[in-house]
Amino acid sequence: MHKEGDEIHIEDDDATAAVKTGAMRWVLGISLAAAVIAMTLVWVIPALYG
């Protein structure tokens, strides 16, 4: 962080309070895969036995 005149400049990492580990991508990917599998089963199983 540095000051130029009346302006304060803050680095991106200091301005963000988040940790950028990429773990959320795994959570979203696994959730998406689980949702696709569940919806496929809901559609296919009744079609086979109904």
C-alpha atoms as a PDB file:
ATOM      1  CA  MET A   1       0.000   0.000   0.000  1.00  0.00           C
ATOM      2  CA  HIS A   2       1.351   3.424  -0.880  1.00  0.00           C
ATOM      3  CA  LYS A   3       0.018   6.923  -1.023  1.00  0.00           C
ATOM      4  CA  GLU A   4       0.315   9.256  -4.018  1.00  0.00           C
ATOM      5  CA  GLY A   5      -0.959  12.697  -3.081  1.00  0.00           C
ATOM      6  CA  ASP A   6      -4.524  12.230  -1.846  1.00  0.00           C
ATOM      7  CA  GLU A   7      -4.870   8.757  -3.410  1.00  0.00           C
ATOM      8  CA  ILE A   8      -4.155   5.510  -1.579  1.00  0.00           C
ATOM      9  CA  HIS A   9      -3.107   2.603  -3.808  1.00  0.00           C
ATOM     10  CA  ILE A  10      -3.648  -0.911  -2.436  1.00  0.00           C
ATOM     11  CA  GLU A  11      -2.338  -4.125  -4.010  1.00  0.00           C
ATOM     12  CA  ASP A  12      -4.926  -6.654  -5.249  1.00  0.00           C
ATOM     13  CA  ASP A  13      -3.915  -9.275  -2.680  1.00  0.00           C
ATOM     14  CA  ASP A  14      -4.291  -6.785   0.164  1.00  0.00           C
ATOM     15  CA  ALA A  15      -7.681  -5.556  -1.063  1.00  0.00           C
ATOM     16  CA  THR A  16      -9.156  -9.061  -1.331  1.00  0.00           C
ATOM     17  CA  ALA A  17      -9.944 -10.836   1.889  1.00  0.00           C
ATOM     18  CA  ALA A  18     -10.255 -14.187   0.115  1.00  0.00           C
ATOM     19  CA  VAL A  19      -7.796 -17.029  -0.172  1.00  0.00           C
ATOM     20  CA  LYS A  20      -7.238 -18.098  -3.777  1.00  0.00           C
ATOM     21  CA  THR A  21      -6.576 -21.813  -3.396  1.00  0.00           C
ATOM     22  CA  GLY A  22      -8.910 -23.089  -6.125  1.00  0.00           C
ATOM     23  CA  ALA A  23     -10.791 -25.369  -3.712  1.00  0.00           C
ATOM     24  CA  MET A  24     -14.117 -23.824  -4.693  1.00  0.00           C
ATOM     25  CA  ARG A  25     -13.625 -25.097  -8.253  1.00  0.00           C
ATOM     26  CA  TRP A  26     -13.508 -28.657  -6.917  1.00  0.00           C
ATOM     27  CA  VAL A  27     -16.679 -28.123  -4.886  1.00  0.00           C
ATOM     28  CA  LEU A  28     -18.530 -26.647  -7.875  1.00  0.00           C
ATOM     29  CA  GLY A  29     -17.264 -29.344 -10.251  1.00  0.00           C
ATOM     30  CA  ILE A  30     -18.244 -32.216  -7.952  1.00  0.00           C
ATOM     31  CA  SER A  31     -21.631 -30.609  -7.266  1.00  0.00           C
ATOM     32  CA  LEU A  32     -22.277 -30.158 -10.978  1.00  0.00           C
ATOM     33  CA  ALA A  33     -21.321 -33.769 -11.708  1.00  0.00           C
ATOM     34  CA  ALA A  34     -23.553 -35.033  -8.876  1.00  0.00           C
ATOM     35  CA  ALA A  35     -26.480 -32.963 -10.138  1.00  0.00           C
ATOM     36  CA  VAL A  36     -26.067 -34.244 -13.707  1.00  0.00           C
ATOM     37  CA  ILE A  37     -25.887 -37.860 -12.511  1.00  0.00           C
ATOM     38  CA  ALA A  38     -28.916 -37.440 -10.236  1.00  0.00           C
ATOM     39  CA  MET A  39     -31.023 -35.824 -12.964  1.00  0.00           C
ATOM     40  CA  THR A  40     -29.977 -38.529 -15.434  1.00  0.00           C
ATOM     41  CA  LEU A  41     -31.038 -41.252 -13.006  1.00  0.00           C
ATOM     42  CA  VAL A  42     -34.362 -39.509 -12.332  1.00  0.00           C
ATOM     43  CA  TRP A  43     -35.006 -39.457 -16.065  1.00  0.00           C
ATOM     44  CA  VAL A  44     -33.640 -42.879 -17.120  1.00  0.00           C
ATOM     45  CA  ILE A  45     -34.910 -45.166 -14.328  1.00  0.00           C
ATOM     46  CA  PRO A  46     -38.624 -44.363 -14.852  1.00  0.00           C
ATOM     47  CA  ALA A  47     -38.119 -44.671 -18.622  1.00  0.00           C
ATOM     48  CA  LEU A  48     -36.710 -48.180 -18.212  1.00  0.00           C
ATOM     49  CA  TYR A  49     -39.257 -49.493 -15.700  1.00  0.00           C
ATOM     50  CA  GLY A  50     -42.299 -47.361 -16.429  1.00  0.00           C
END
